[in-house]
Every structure is written in C-alpha cells, then in structure tokens.
C-alpha cells in the first residue's frame, strides 16, 4: 500500500505590481509542493479571491496604489472561519507597517529581498501555521518587548502619523472620527511614552525609532 500523494500548497499572490507577482510566481512554481492558483492586483481582489476556499496561503503586499491596504485585507481574510494563512511579503519594515499587519493576523512577515529558499520555507511554514519573521522585523519586536514604555498603540500611531502629515488636532479628529479632546489625550500619552513635549519632537523621535514612516 502506497502513501496518498500530499496535495500542493495553493497560493494567492496579492501585489499591485505585475513584475513583482511574476517574480514571485517564477520563484515559487519551481518549488515542489507549491502552486500559484491566483493573483490579485488590489487588496479588495485579494479578500474576495481568498474567500473562495481554494487557497492555503496568501502572499500579501502591504501598500497598494489605492483603496484598502494590506493590513486591513489581512484582517478581513483571517477573520473568516477556515481562512487561509497570510504571509506578508513587502519592502517595508517599520513598526508603522509591521505591527498593524501582525495584529491583523498575518502568520509571517518577510521582505521582498529575502532569498528564494527563505521565501519558499516561509510559505511552507505559513501553510502549517508556523510563524516566520524577517530578521529586522523580529529585532524590532524584541526591542519593543524590552522597552514597552516606548510602544505606541495603533491609535496613537495613527494620530502621530497624521501629525507628521501636518494635520491639526481638529483635522485629525475629523479623519479618525474622534473628538479634539480625545486626540489631545492620545498625543499626551505619546509625549509621555517618547519623553518629548512637542508635536515636532514627538514626530522626529518616533520616526527615528521606526514607529512611524518618515
């Protein structure tokens, strides 16, 4: 009696750049036991395609040209029963990118310059629920655990990112559907965590720490 053949790991590639999708497909389809069953050029397409039930792992970029981002798409995909695993494959490794993706339910987080063998291993690991993190991402997470006082919540990060864009407290409140007083409270906690006393200093410090994008 022979063992039944192991079904291949079925992959969905979600990236808004056709060249990137083609490159990922070329690498992964040379690997035994992996097959690309679909591609998506937008996060919305990725969410819809992942819902069909014939995908095991979604390789998800974080930033798409317009519309939904990769972190939100990850949250929508992983919220469904029996959802596929999501492996983030992106060029961004700041806390402002990695933390929302991981909080959204991503099984792993790799950078696009990862060696092909690391990418294939991460995909196989994701299919079994094993977490794989790019070294720089793992280092950042460890540093946050060592210095929790500097860790900003997702909402604090959103508020400070909008400060960095030059928005006033009132404008930030409108954007995030918060009262102006709530925005001020978030900023007060940000200042305390970062050891700063002004908007400019908080933005500069957070950017240096990789908590927000420059």
N, C-alpha and C. Protein backbone atom coordinates (compact mmCIF):
# COMPACT_ATOMS: atom_id res chain seq x y z
N UNK A 1 0.85 -1.20 0.00
CA UNK A 1 0.00 0.00 0.00
C UNK A 1 0.88 1.25 0.00
N UNK A 2 0.65 2.15 -0.93
CA UNK A 2 1.46 3.36 -1.03
C UNK A 2 0.75 4.51 -0.36
N UNK A 3 1.58 5.45 0.14
CA UNK A 3 1.00 6.64 0.78
C UNK A 3 0.30 7.50 -0.27
N UNK A 4 -0.79 8.13 0.14
CA UNK A 4 -1.51 9.04 -0.76
C UNK A 4 -0.64 10.27 -1.02
N UNK A 5 -0.66 10.80 -2.23
CA UNK A 5 0.16 11.98 -2.53
C UNK A 5 -0.28 13.17 -1.69
N UNK A 6 0.69 13.96 -1.27
CA UNK A 6 0.39 15.15 -0.48
C UNK A 6 -0.06 16.26 -1.42
N UNK A 7 -1.24 16.85 -1.18
CA UNK A 7 -1.70 17.92 -2.08
C UNK A 7 -0.78 19.13 -1.99
N UNK A 8 -0.64 19.86 -3.09
CA UNK A 8 0.25 21.03 -3.06
C UNK A 8 -0.34 22.16 -2.22
N UNK A 9 0.52 23.03 -1.75
CA UNK A 9 0.10 24.24 -1.05
C UNK A 9 -0.33 25.25 -2.11
N UNK A 10 -1.59 25.69 -2.03
CA UNK A 10 -2.15 26.58 -3.05
C UNK A 10 -1.98 28.04 -2.62
N UNK A 11 -1.44 28.84 -3.54
CA UNK A 11 -1.04 30.20 -3.20
C UNK A 11 -1.82 31.25 -3.99
N UNK A 12 -2.07 32.38 -3.32
CA UNK A 12 -2.63 33.58 -3.95
C UNK A 12 -1.61 34.69 -3.79
N UNK A 13 -1.21 35.32 -4.89
CA UNK A 13 -0.24 36.40 -4.87
C UNK A 13 -0.97 37.74 -4.95
N UNK A 14 -0.85 38.55 -3.92
CA UNK A 14 -1.55 39.85 -3.88
C UNK A 14 -0.52 40.97 -3.86
N UNK A 15 -0.37 41.65 -4.98
CA UNK A 15 0.60 42.75 -5.12
C UNK A 15 0.15 43.60 -6.29
N UNK A 16 0.28 44.92 -6.18
CA UNK A 16 -0.19 45.77 -7.26
C UNK A 16 0.81 45.93 -8.40
N UNK A 17 1.99 45.31 -8.28
CA UNK A 17 2.99 45.40 -9.34
C UNK A 17 3.07 44.07 -10.10
N UNK A 18 2.71 44.06 -11.38
CA UNK A 18 2.75 42.82 -12.15
C UNK A 18 4.12 42.17 -12.18
N UNK A 19 5.17 42.98 -12.22
CA UNK A 19 6.53 42.42 -12.26
C UNK A 19 6.84 41.66 -10.97
N UNK A 20 6.37 42.20 -9.83
CA UNK A 20 6.59 41.52 -8.56
C UNK A 20 5.83 40.20 -8.53
N UNK A 21 4.58 40.21 -8.97
CA UNK A 21 3.81 38.98 -8.99
C UNK A 21 4.46 37.94 -9.90
N UNK A 22 4.95 38.40 -11.05
CA UNK A 22 5.61 37.47 -11.98
C UNK A 22 6.87 36.89 -11.35
N UNK A 23 7.61 37.73 -10.62
CA UNK A 23 8.83 37.24 -9.97
C UNK A 23 8.52 36.23 -8.88
N UNK A 24 7.51 36.51 -8.08
CA UNK A 24 7.12 35.57 -7.04
C UNK A 24 6.65 34.25 -7.64
N UNK A 25 5.86 34.35 -8.69
CA UNK A 25 5.37 33.13 -9.35
C UNK A 25 6.53 32.31 -9.89
N UNK A 26 7.49 32.98 -10.52
CA UNK A 26 8.64 32.27 -11.10
C UNK A 26 9.43 31.53 -10.03
N UNK A 27 9.60 32.17 -8.88
CA UNK A 27 10.36 31.54 -7.78
C UNK A 27 9.58 30.38 -7.18
N UNK A 28 8.31 30.62 -6.87
CA UNK A 28 7.54 29.64 -6.10
C UNK A 28 7.13 28.42 -6.92
N UNK A 29 6.88 28.62 -8.21
CA UNK A 29 6.42 27.48 -9.00
C UNK A 29 7.54 26.53 -9.38
N UNK A 30 8.78 26.90 -9.08
CA UNK A 30 9.89 25.96 -9.26
C UNK A 30 10.07 25.08 -8.02
N UNK A 31 9.35 25.41 -6.96
CA UNK A 31 9.46 24.67 -5.70
C UNK A 31 8.46 23.52 -5.68
N UNK A 32 8.91 22.33 -5.32
CA UNK A 32 7.97 21.20 -5.24
C UNK A 32 6.92 21.42 -4.16
N UNK A 33 5.70 21.05 -4.48
CA UNK A 33 4.62 21.13 -3.50
C UNK A 33 3.99 22.48 -3.35
N UNK A 34 4.37 23.45 -4.21
CA UNK A 34 3.77 24.78 -4.16
C UNK A 34 3.17 25.08 -5.53
N UNK A 35 1.97 25.66 -5.54
CA UNK A 35 1.35 26.04 -6.80
C UNK A 35 0.59 27.35 -6.64
N UNK A 36 0.78 28.24 -7.58
CA UNK A 36 0.07 29.52 -7.58
C UNK A 36 -1.25 29.34 -8.30
N UNK A 37 -2.34 29.55 -7.58
CA UNK A 37 -3.66 29.35 -8.19
C UNK A 37 -4.32 30.65 -8.61
N UNK A 38 -3.83 31.78 -8.10
CA UNK A 38 -4.47 33.05 -8.46
C UNK A 38 -3.56 34.22 -8.11
N UNK A 39 -3.86 35.37 -8.74
CA UNK A 39 -3.18 36.61 -8.44
C UNK A 39 -4.22 37.70 -8.20
N UNK A 40 -3.84 38.72 -7.44
CA UNK A 40 -4.73 39.85 -7.19
C UNK A 40 -3.91 41.13 -7.25
N UNK A 41 -4.42 42.13 -7.96
CA UNK A 41 -3.71 43.39 -8.11
C UNK A 41 -4.14 44.43 -7.09
N UNK A 42 -5.21 44.16 -6.34
CA UNK A 42 -5.67 45.07 -5.30
C UNK A 42 -5.98 44.26 -4.04
N UNK A 43 -6.01 44.96 -2.92
CA UNK A 43 -6.33 44.28 -1.66
C UNK A 43 -7.78 43.78 -1.68
N UNK A 44 -8.65 44.56 -2.29
CA UNK A 44 -10.05 44.15 -2.38
C UNK A 44 -10.19 42.84 -3.16
N UNK A 45 -9.45 42.73 -4.26
CA UNK A 45 -9.47 41.49 -5.05
C UNK A 45 -8.94 40.33 -4.22
N UNK A 46 -7.91 40.58 -3.43
CA UNK A 46 -7.32 39.52 -2.61
C UNK A 46 -8.33 38.99 -1.60
N UNK A 47 -9.07 39.91 -0.97
CA UNK A 47 -10.07 39.49 0.02
C UNK A 47 -11.15 38.63 -0.64
N UNK A 48 -11.61 39.09 -1.79
CA UNK A 48 -12.67 38.36 -2.49
C UNK A 48 -12.17 36.99 -2.97
N UNK A 49 -10.96 36.95 -3.51
CA UNK A 49 -10.44 35.69 -4.05
C UNK A 49 -10.14 34.70 -2.93
N UNK A 50 -9.62 35.19 -1.80
CA UNK A 50 -9.29 34.30 -0.69
C UNK A 50 -10.54 33.65 -0.10
N UNK A 51 -11.70 34.30 -0.29
CA UNK A 51 -12.94 33.79 0.29
C UNK A 51 -13.49 32.58 -0.45
N UNK A 52 -12.94 32.26 -1.60
CA UNK A 52 -13.47 31.14 -2.38
C UNK A 52 -13.18 29.78 -1.75
N UNK A 53 -12.17 29.73 -0.90
CA UNK A 53 -11.91 28.48 -0.19
C UNK A 53 -10.93 27.54 -0.85
N UNK A 54 -10.27 27.98 -1.93
CA UNK A 54 -9.31 27.09 -2.61
C UNK A 54 -7.88 27.59 -2.51
N UNK A 55 -7.61 28.42 -1.47
CA UNK A 55 -6.27 28.97 -1.26
C UNK A 55 -5.80 28.60 0.15
N UNK A 56 -4.54 28.20 0.25
CA UNK A 56 -3.98 27.85 1.56
C UNK A 56 -3.17 29.00 2.17
N UNK A 57 -2.44 29.73 1.33
CA UNK A 57 -1.60 30.83 1.80
C UNK A 57 -1.73 32.01 0.85
N UNK A 58 -1.93 33.19 1.42
CA UNK A 58 -1.95 34.43 0.64
C UNK A 58 -0.63 35.16 0.88
N UNK A 59 0.09 35.48 -0.19
CA UNK A 59 1.27 36.32 -0.08
C UNK A 59 0.83 37.75 -0.31
N UNK A 60 0.88 38.56 0.74
CA UNK A 60 0.22 39.87 0.74
C UNK A 60 1.23 41.02 0.83
N UNK A 61 1.14 41.94 -0.13
CA UNK A 61 1.88 43.19 -0.01
C UNK A 61 1.13 44.08 0.98
N UNK A 62 1.80 45.13 1.47
CA UNK A 62 1.14 46.00 2.45
C UNK A 62 0.54 47.25 1.84
N UNK A 63 1.16 47.78 0.82
CA UNK A 63 0.68 49.04 0.25
C UNK A 63 0.28 48.82 -1.20
N UNK A 64 -0.97 49.20 -1.48
CA UNK A 64 -1.48 49.14 -2.83
C UNK A 64 -1.73 50.57 -3.30
N UNK A 65 -1.80 50.76 -4.59
CA UNK A 65 -1.90 52.12 -5.12
C UNK A 65 -3.05 52.91 -4.53
N UNK A 66 -4.24 52.31 -4.51
CA UNK A 66 -5.42 53.00 -3.97
C UNK A 66 -6.26 52.00 -3.20
N UNK A 67 -7.18 52.53 -2.44
CA UNK A 67 -8.12 51.66 -1.74
C UNK A 67 -7.54 51.03 -0.50
N UNK A 68 -8.02 49.84 -0.21
CA UNK A 68 -7.66 49.13 1.00
C UNK A 68 -6.17 48.79 1.04
N UNK A 69 -5.61 48.81 2.25
CA UNK A 69 -4.21 48.42 2.43
C UNK A 69 -4.09 46.94 2.78
N UNK A 70 -2.86 46.46 2.78
CA UNK A 70 -2.63 45.05 3.04
C UNK A 70 -2.98 44.60 4.45
N UNK A 71 -2.79 45.47 5.43
CA UNK A 71 -3.11 45.09 6.81
C UNK A 71 -4.62 44.91 6.98
N UNK A 72 -5.40 45.82 6.41
CA UNK A 72 -6.86 45.69 6.50
C UNK A 72 -7.33 44.43 5.76
N UNK A 73 -6.73 44.18 4.59
CA UNK A 73 -7.10 42.99 3.83
C UNK A 73 -6.76 41.73 4.62
N UNK A 74 -5.62 41.74 5.30
CA UNK A 74 -5.23 40.60 6.13
C UNK A 74 -6.25 40.35 7.22
N UNK A 75 -6.69 41.42 7.88
CA UNK A 75 -7.68 41.28 8.95
C UNK A 75 -8.99 40.69 8.41
N UNK A 76 -9.41 41.15 7.23
CA UNK A 76 -10.67 40.65 6.66
C UNK A 76 -10.54 39.19 6.25
N UNK A 77 -9.40 38.83 5.70
CA UNK A 77 -9.20 37.45 5.27
C UNK A 77 -9.16 36.51 6.47
N UNK A 78 -8.38 36.86 7.48
CA UNK A 78 -8.18 35.95 8.61
C UNK A 78 -9.38 35.90 9.54
N UNK A 79 -10.31 36.84 9.40
CA UNK A 79 -11.49 36.85 10.27
C UNK A 79 -12.49 35.76 9.90
N UNK A 80 -12.39 35.21 8.71
CA UNK A 80 -13.36 34.21 8.26
C UNK A 80 -12.99 32.83 8.78
N UNK A 81 -13.97 31.99 9.09
CA UNK A 81 -13.70 30.61 9.50
C UNK A 81 -12.98 29.85 8.39
N UNK A 82 -11.99 29.06 8.76
CA UNK A 82 -11.26 28.27 7.78
C UNK A 82 -10.45 29.10 6.81
N UNK A 83 -10.07 30.31 7.22
CA UNK A 83 -9.37 31.23 6.33
C UNK A 83 -7.97 30.73 6.00
N UNK A 84 -7.45 31.13 4.84
CA UNK A 84 -6.06 30.80 4.53
C UNK A 84 -5.11 31.59 5.42
N UNK A 85 -3.89 31.14 5.51
CA UNK A 85 -2.86 31.90 6.22
C UNK A 85 -2.43 33.07 5.35
N UNK A 86 -1.97 34.13 5.99
CA UNK A 86 -1.48 35.29 5.24
C UNK A 86 0.00 35.50 5.59
N UNK A 87 0.82 35.51 4.56
CA UNK A 87 2.24 35.80 4.71
C UNK A 87 2.51 37.14 4.04
N UNK A 88 2.89 38.13 4.83
CA UNK A 88 3.18 39.45 4.28
C UNK A 88 4.55 39.40 3.60
N UNK A 89 4.59 39.87 2.36
CA UNK A 89 5.86 39.98 1.62
C UNK A 89 5.92 41.39 1.07
N UNK A 90 6.79 42.22 1.65
CA UNK A 90 6.77 43.65 1.35
C UNK A 90 8.17 44.22 1.42
N UNK A 91 8.30 45.50 1.11
CA UNK A 91 9.60 46.17 1.21
C UNK A 91 9.69 47.01 2.48
N UNK A 92 8.62 47.05 3.27
CA UNK A 92 8.55 47.96 4.42
C UNK A 92 8.73 47.21 5.73
N UNK A 93 9.61 47.73 6.60
CA UNK A 93 9.87 47.02 7.85
C UNK A 93 9.77 47.92 9.08
N UNK A 94 9.16 49.11 8.95
CA UNK A 94 9.00 49.96 10.12
C UNK A 94 7.88 49.43 11.01
N UNK A 95 7.89 49.85 12.26
CA UNK A 95 6.82 49.45 13.18
C UNK A 95 5.46 49.86 12.66
N UNK A 96 5.42 51.01 11.97
CA UNK A 96 4.15 51.50 11.45
C UNK A 96 3.57 50.55 10.41
N UNK A 97 4.41 49.71 9.82
CA UNK A 97 3.95 48.73 8.85
C UNK A 97 3.79 47.35 9.46
N UNK A 98 4.80 46.92 10.22
CA UNK A 98 4.80 45.54 10.70
C UNK A 98 3.74 45.28 11.75
N UNK A 99 3.59 46.19 12.70
CA UNK A 99 2.68 45.91 13.82
C UNK A 99 1.22 45.79 13.40
N UNK A 100 0.70 46.71 12.57
CA UNK A 100 -0.69 46.53 12.13
C UNK A 100 -0.90 45.21 11.39
N UNK A 101 0.08 44.80 10.59
CA UNK A 101 -0.06 43.56 9.83
C UNK A 101 -0.09 42.35 10.76
N UNK A 102 0.79 42.34 11.73
CA UNK A 102 0.84 41.22 12.67
C UNK A 102 -0.41 41.20 13.55
N UNK A 103 -0.83 42.40 14.00
CA UNK A 103 -2.05 42.47 14.80
C UNK A 103 -3.27 42.04 13.99
N UNK A 104 -3.21 42.22 12.67
CA UNK A 104 -4.33 41.85 11.81
C UNK A 104 -4.42 40.35 11.59
N UNK A 105 -3.38 39.61 12.00
CA UNK A 105 -3.44 38.16 11.88
C UNK A 105 -2.48 37.53 10.92
N UNK A 106 -1.50 38.30 10.41
CA UNK A 106 -0.52 37.72 9.50
C UNK A 106 0.28 36.63 10.21
N UNK A 107 0.47 35.51 9.54
CA UNK A 107 1.24 34.40 10.10
C UNK A 107 2.72 34.68 10.04
N UNK A 108 3.16 35.40 9.01
CA UNK A 108 4.58 35.70 8.86
C UNK A 108 4.79 37.03 8.17
N UNK A 109 6.04 37.49 8.17
CA UNK A 109 6.36 38.79 7.61
C UNK A 109 7.76 38.72 7.03
N UNK A 110 7.85 38.77 5.70
CA UNK A 110 9.14 38.73 5.01
C UNK A 110 9.32 39.98 4.17
N UNK A 111 10.57 40.31 3.90
CA UNK A 111 10.88 41.41 3.00
C UNK A 111 11.14 40.86 1.60
N UNK A 112 10.90 41.69 0.59
CA UNK A 112 10.98 41.22 -0.78
C UNK A 112 12.40 40.85 -1.22
N UNK A 113 13.41 41.28 -0.44
CA UNK A 113 14.78 40.90 -0.79
C UNK A 113 15.20 39.59 -0.13
N UNK A 114 14.26 38.87 0.48
CA UNK A 114 14.59 37.59 1.11
C UNK A 114 15.05 36.59 0.03
N UNK A 115 16.03 35.73 0.33
CA UNK A 115 16.46 34.72 -0.62
C UNK A 115 15.31 33.79 -0.99
N UNK A 116 15.30 33.27 -2.22
CA UNK A 116 14.20 32.40 -2.66
C UNK A 116 13.96 31.22 -1.72
N UNK A 117 15.04 30.64 -1.19
CA UNK A 117 14.85 29.48 -0.31
C UNK A 117 14.16 29.88 1.00
N UNK A 118 14.43 31.12 1.46
CA UNK A 118 13.75 31.59 2.68
C UNK A 118 12.27 31.84 2.40
N UNK A 119 11.98 32.37 1.22
CA UNK A 119 10.59 32.62 0.85
C UNK A 119 9.81 31.30 0.78
N UNK A 120 10.39 30.31 0.12
CA UNK A 120 9.71 29.02 -0.01
C UNK A 120 9.51 28.38 1.36
N UNK A 121 10.52 28.47 2.22
CA UNK A 121 10.41 27.90 3.56
C UNK A 121 9.34 28.62 4.37
N UNK A 122 9.25 29.94 4.21
CA UNK A 122 8.24 30.71 4.94
C UNK A 122 6.84 30.35 4.46
N UNK A 123 6.67 30.12 3.17
CA UNK A 123 5.37 29.73 2.63
C UNK A 123 4.96 28.37 3.19
N UNK A 124 5.88 27.43 3.17
CA UNK A 124 5.56 26.10 3.72
C UNK A 124 5.25 26.18 5.21
N UNK A 125 6.01 27.01 5.91
CA UNK A 125 5.75 27.19 7.34
C UNK A 125 4.40 27.81 7.59
N UNK A 126 4.06 28.84 6.80
CA UNK A 126 2.76 29.51 6.96
C UNK A 126 1.62 28.52 6.74
N UNK A 127 1.79 27.63 5.78
CA UNK A 127 0.73 26.66 5.48
C UNK A 127 0.43 25.77 6.67
N UNK A 128 1.41 25.57 7.53
CA UNK A 128 1.22 24.74 8.73
C UNK A 128 1.00 25.57 9.99
N UNK A 129 0.92 26.90 9.81
CA UNK A 129 0.68 27.78 10.95
C UNK A 129 1.92 28.23 11.67
N UNK A 130 3.09 27.96 11.10
CA UNK A 130 4.34 28.37 11.75
C UNK A 130 4.70 29.80 11.35
N UNK A 131 5.15 30.57 12.31
CA UNK A 131 5.47 31.97 12.08
C UNK A 131 6.90 32.14 11.59
N UNK A 132 7.07 32.97 10.57
CA UNK A 132 8.39 33.33 10.07
C UNK A 132 8.46 34.84 9.99
N UNK A 133 9.48 35.43 10.60
CA UNK A 133 9.66 36.88 10.57
C UNK A 133 11.01 37.23 9.98
N UNK A 134 11.04 38.26 9.15
CA UNK A 134 12.31 38.78 8.67
C UNK A 134 13.16 39.20 9.87
N UNK A 135 14.48 39.00 9.81
CA UNK A 135 15.33 39.33 10.96
C UNK A 135 15.14 40.74 11.49
N UNK A 136 15.03 41.73 10.58
CA UNK A 136 14.86 43.11 11.06
C UNK A 136 13.54 43.29 11.79
N UNK A 137 12.51 42.59 11.32
CA UNK A 137 11.20 42.68 11.98
C UNK A 137 11.25 42.01 13.35
N UNK A 138 11.86 40.84 13.41
CA UNK A 138 11.99 40.15 14.70
C UNK A 138 12.78 41.00 15.69
N UNK A 139 13.84 41.67 15.21
CA UNK A 139 14.63 42.53 16.10
C UNK A 139 13.79 43.68 16.63
N UNK A 140 12.97 44.27 15.77
CA UNK A 140 12.12 45.38 16.22
C UNK A 140 11.12 44.92 17.28
N UNK A 141 10.52 43.77 17.06
CA UNK A 141 9.54 43.27 18.03
C UNK A 141 10.21 42.97 19.37
N UNK A 142 11.40 42.41 19.32
CA UNK A 142 12.13 42.15 20.57
C UNK A 142 12.46 43.45 21.29
N UNK A 143 12.84 44.47 20.53
CA UNK A 143 13.17 45.74 21.14
C UNK A 143 11.95 46.37 21.80
N UNK A 144 10.78 46.21 21.16
CA UNK A 144 9.56 46.74 21.76
C UNK A 144 9.23 46.02 23.07
N UNK A 145 9.50 44.72 23.11
CA UNK A 145 9.27 43.98 24.35
C UNK A 145 10.21 44.45 25.45
N UNK A 146 11.44 44.81 25.06
CA UNK A 146 12.42 45.27 26.06
C UNK A 146 12.10 46.67 26.56
N UNK A 147 11.47 47.49 25.69
CA UNK A 147 11.18 48.88 26.05
C UNK A 147 9.70 49.17 25.84
N UNK A 148 8.84 48.53 26.62
CA UNK A 148 7.39 48.70 26.41
C UNK A 148 6.91 50.13 26.62
N UNK A 149 7.66 50.92 27.37
CA UNK A 149 7.22 52.30 27.60
C UNK A 149 7.19 53.10 26.31
N UNK A 150 7.99 52.68 25.32
CA UNK A 150 8.05 53.41 24.06
C UNK A 150 7.07 52.86 23.03
N UNK A 151 6.33 51.82 23.39
CA UNK A 151 5.42 51.19 22.44
C UNK A 151 4.15 52.02 22.32
N UNK A 152 3.84 52.43 21.12
CA UNK A 152 2.61 53.18 20.88
C UNK A 152 1.51 52.23 20.47
N UNK A 153 0.29 52.54 20.87
CA UNK A 153 -0.85 51.75 20.42
C UNK A 153 -1.11 52.08 18.95
N UNK A 154 -1.96 51.27 18.32
CA UNK A 154 -2.26 51.52 16.91
C UNK A 154 -2.88 52.90 16.74
N UNK A 155 -3.81 53.28 17.64
CA UNK A 155 -4.46 54.58 17.53
C UNK A 155 -3.46 55.72 17.74
N UNK A 156 -2.56 55.56 18.71
CA UNK A 156 -1.53 56.58 18.94
C UNK A 156 -0.65 56.74 17.71
N UNK A 157 -0.33 55.62 17.08
CA UNK A 157 0.49 55.67 15.86
C UNK A 157 -0.26 56.38 14.75
N UNK A 158 -1.57 56.10 14.62
CA UNK A 158 -2.37 56.77 13.59
C UNK A 158 -2.39 58.28 13.82
N UNK A 159 -2.62 58.68 15.07
CA UNK A 159 -2.68 60.10 15.40
C UNK A 159 -1.35 60.77 15.09
N UNK A 160 -0.25 60.17 15.52
CA UNK A 160 1.06 60.78 15.32
C UNK A 160 1.44 60.81 13.84
N UNK A 161 1.03 59.81 13.10
CA UNK A 161 1.31 59.80 11.65
C UNK A 161 0.61 60.96 10.97
N UNK A 162 -0.60 61.28 11.42
CA UNK A 162 -1.33 62.41 10.83
C UNK A 162 -0.73 63.74 11.28
N UNK A 163 -0.20 63.78 12.50
CA UNK A 163 0.54 64.98 12.94
C UNK A 163 1.73 65.19 12.01
N UNK A 164 2.42 64.09 11.67
CA UNK A 164 3.57 64.17 10.79
C UNK A 164 3.20 64.68 9.40
N UNK A 165 1.93 64.45 9.00
CA UNK A 165 1.47 64.95 7.71
C UNK A 165 1.08 66.42 7.78
N UNK A 166 1.11 66.99 8.98
CA UNK A 166 0.81 68.41 9.13
C UNK A 166 -0.61 68.73 9.51
N UNK A 167 -1.40 67.71 9.87
CA UNK A 167 -2.81 67.95 10.21
C UNK A 167 -2.93 68.52 11.63
N UNK A 168 -3.92 69.38 11.81
CA UNK A 168 -4.22 69.92 13.13
C UNK A 168 -4.98 68.88 13.94
N UNK A 169 -5.10 69.12 15.25
CA UNK A 169 -5.87 68.19 16.09
C UNK A 169 -7.31 68.08 15.60
N UNK A 170 -7.86 69.21 15.20
CA UNK A 170 -9.25 69.20 14.72
C UNK A 170 -9.37 68.35 13.45
N UNK A 171 -8.42 68.52 12.54
CA UNK A 171 -8.45 67.76 11.28
C UNK A 171 -8.22 66.27 11.54
N UNK A 172 -7.35 65.96 12.48
CA UNK A 172 -7.10 64.56 12.84
C UNK A 172 -8.37 63.94 13.40
N UNK A 173 -9.06 64.70 14.24
CA UNK A 173 -10.31 64.22 14.82
C UNK A 173 -11.34 63.89 13.75
N UNK A 174 -11.43 64.77 12.75
CA UNK A 174 -12.38 64.51 11.66
C UNK A 174 -11.98 63.26 10.88
N UNK A 175 -10.68 63.13 10.61
CA UNK A 175 -10.20 61.99 9.83
C UNK A 175 -10.45 60.66 10.54
N UNK A 176 -10.23 60.64 11.85
CA UNK A 176 -10.33 59.40 12.61
C UNK A 176 -11.66 59.26 13.37
N UNK A 177 -12.55 60.25 13.19
CA UNK A 177 -13.85 60.23 13.87
C UNK A 177 -13.67 60.25 15.39
N UNK A 178 -12.81 61.14 15.85
CA UNK A 178 -12.55 61.33 17.28
C UNK A 178 -12.84 62.78 17.65
N UNK A 179 -13.11 63.01 18.92
CA UNK A 179 -13.23 64.39 19.37
C UNK A 179 -11.84 65.01 19.46
N UNK A 180 -11.78 66.33 19.41
CA UNK A 180 -10.49 67.00 19.52
C UNK A 180 -9.84 66.71 20.86
N UNK A 181 -10.66 66.59 21.90
CA UNK A 181 -10.12 66.27 23.23
C UNK A 181 -9.48 64.88 23.27
N UNK A 182 -10.10 63.93 22.57
CA UNK A 182 -9.52 62.58 22.52
C UNK A 182 -8.19 62.60 21.80
N UNK A 183 -8.10 63.36 20.73
CA UNK A 183 -6.83 63.48 20.00
C UNK A 183 -5.76 64.04 20.92
N UNK A 184 -6.11 65.08 21.69
CA UNK A 184 -5.14 65.67 22.62
C UNK A 184 -4.70 64.65 23.67
N UNK A 185 -5.62 63.82 24.13
CA UNK A 185 -5.29 62.79 25.12
C UNK A 185 -4.31 61.78 24.54
N UNK A 186 -4.57 61.37 23.30
CA UNK A 186 -3.64 60.44 22.64
C UNK A 186 -2.26 61.06 22.52
N UNK A 187 -2.20 62.33 22.14
CA UNK A 187 -0.91 62.99 21.98
C UNK A 187 -0.19 63.13 23.32
N UNK A 188 -0.94 63.38 24.37
CA UNK A 188 -0.33 63.50 25.69
C UNK A 188 0.34 62.18 26.09
N UNK A 189 -0.33 61.06 25.79
CA UNK A 189 0.27 59.74 26.09
C UNK A 189 1.49 59.49 25.20
N UNK A 190 1.41 59.93 23.97
CA UNK A 190 2.56 59.78 23.06
C UNK A 190 3.76 60.55 23.61
N UNK A 191 3.54 61.78 24.01
CA UNK A 191 4.63 62.59 24.56
C UNK A 191 5.27 61.90 25.77
N UNK A 192 4.42 61.36 26.64
CA UNK A 192 4.93 60.70 27.85
C UNK A 192 5.75 59.47 27.49
N UNK A 193 5.27 58.69 26.55
CA UNK A 193 5.97 57.46 26.17
C UNK A 193 7.30 57.76 25.49
N UNK A 194 7.33 58.83 24.68
CA UNK A 194 8.54 59.13 23.91
C UNK A 194 9.47 60.10 24.64
N UNK A 195 9.01 60.62 25.77
CA UNK A 195 9.85 61.55 26.51
C UNK A 195 10.01 62.88 25.80
N UNK A 196 8.96 63.31 25.09
CA UNK A 196 9.01 64.57 24.36
C UNK A 196 7.92 65.51 24.89
N UNK A 197 7.97 66.77 24.42
CA UNK A 197 6.99 67.73 24.93
C UNK A 197 6.35 68.55 23.81
N UNK A 198 6.62 68.18 22.56
CA UNK A 198 6.04 68.93 21.46
C UNK A 198 5.73 68.00 20.30
N UNK A 199 4.88 68.49 19.39
CA UNK A 199 4.50 67.70 18.23
C UNK A 199 5.73 67.40 17.36
N UNK A 200 6.54 68.42 17.12
CA UNK A 200 7.71 68.25 16.26
C UNK A 200 8.68 67.23 16.83
N UNK A 201 8.94 67.32 18.14
CA UNK A 201 9.88 66.40 18.77
C UNK A 201 9.33 64.98 18.77
N UNK A 202 8.03 64.84 19.00
CA UNK A 202 7.42 63.51 19.01
C UNK A 202 7.51 62.86 17.64
N UNK A 203 7.24 63.62 16.60
CA UNK A 203 7.33 63.09 15.24
C UNK A 203 8.76 62.67 14.92
N UNK A 204 9.72 63.53 15.26
CA UNK A 204 11.13 63.23 14.97
C UNK A 204 11.59 61.98 15.72
N UNK A 205 11.23 61.89 17.00
CA UNK A 205 11.64 60.74 17.81
C UNK A 205 11.00 59.46 17.31
N UNK A 206 9.71 59.52 17.02
CA UNK A 206 9.00 58.33 16.54
C UNK A 206 9.56 57.86 15.20
N UNK A 207 9.90 58.81 14.33
CA UNK A 207 10.48 58.44 13.03
C UNK A 207 11.84 57.79 13.22
N UNK A 208 12.65 58.34 14.12
CA UNK A 208 13.97 57.75 14.38
C UNK A 208 13.85 56.34 14.92
N UNK A 209 12.81 56.08 15.71
CA UNK A 209 12.61 54.76 16.30
C UNK A 209 11.90 53.79 15.34
N UNK A 210 11.48 54.31 14.19
CA UNK A 210 10.77 53.47 13.23
C UNK A 210 9.32 53.22 13.59
N UNK A 211 8.78 54.05 14.50
CA UNK A 211 7.38 53.86 14.92
C UNK A 211 6.40 54.42 13.90
N UNK A 212 6.83 55.43 13.16
CA UNK A 212 6.03 55.97 12.07
C UNK A 212 6.93 56.12 10.85
N UNK A 213 6.32 56.23 9.68
CA UNK A 213 7.09 56.42 8.47
C UNK A 213 7.53 57.85 8.35
N UNK A 214 8.72 58.05 7.81
CA UNK A 214 9.20 59.42 7.59
C UNK A 214 8.43 60.05 6.45
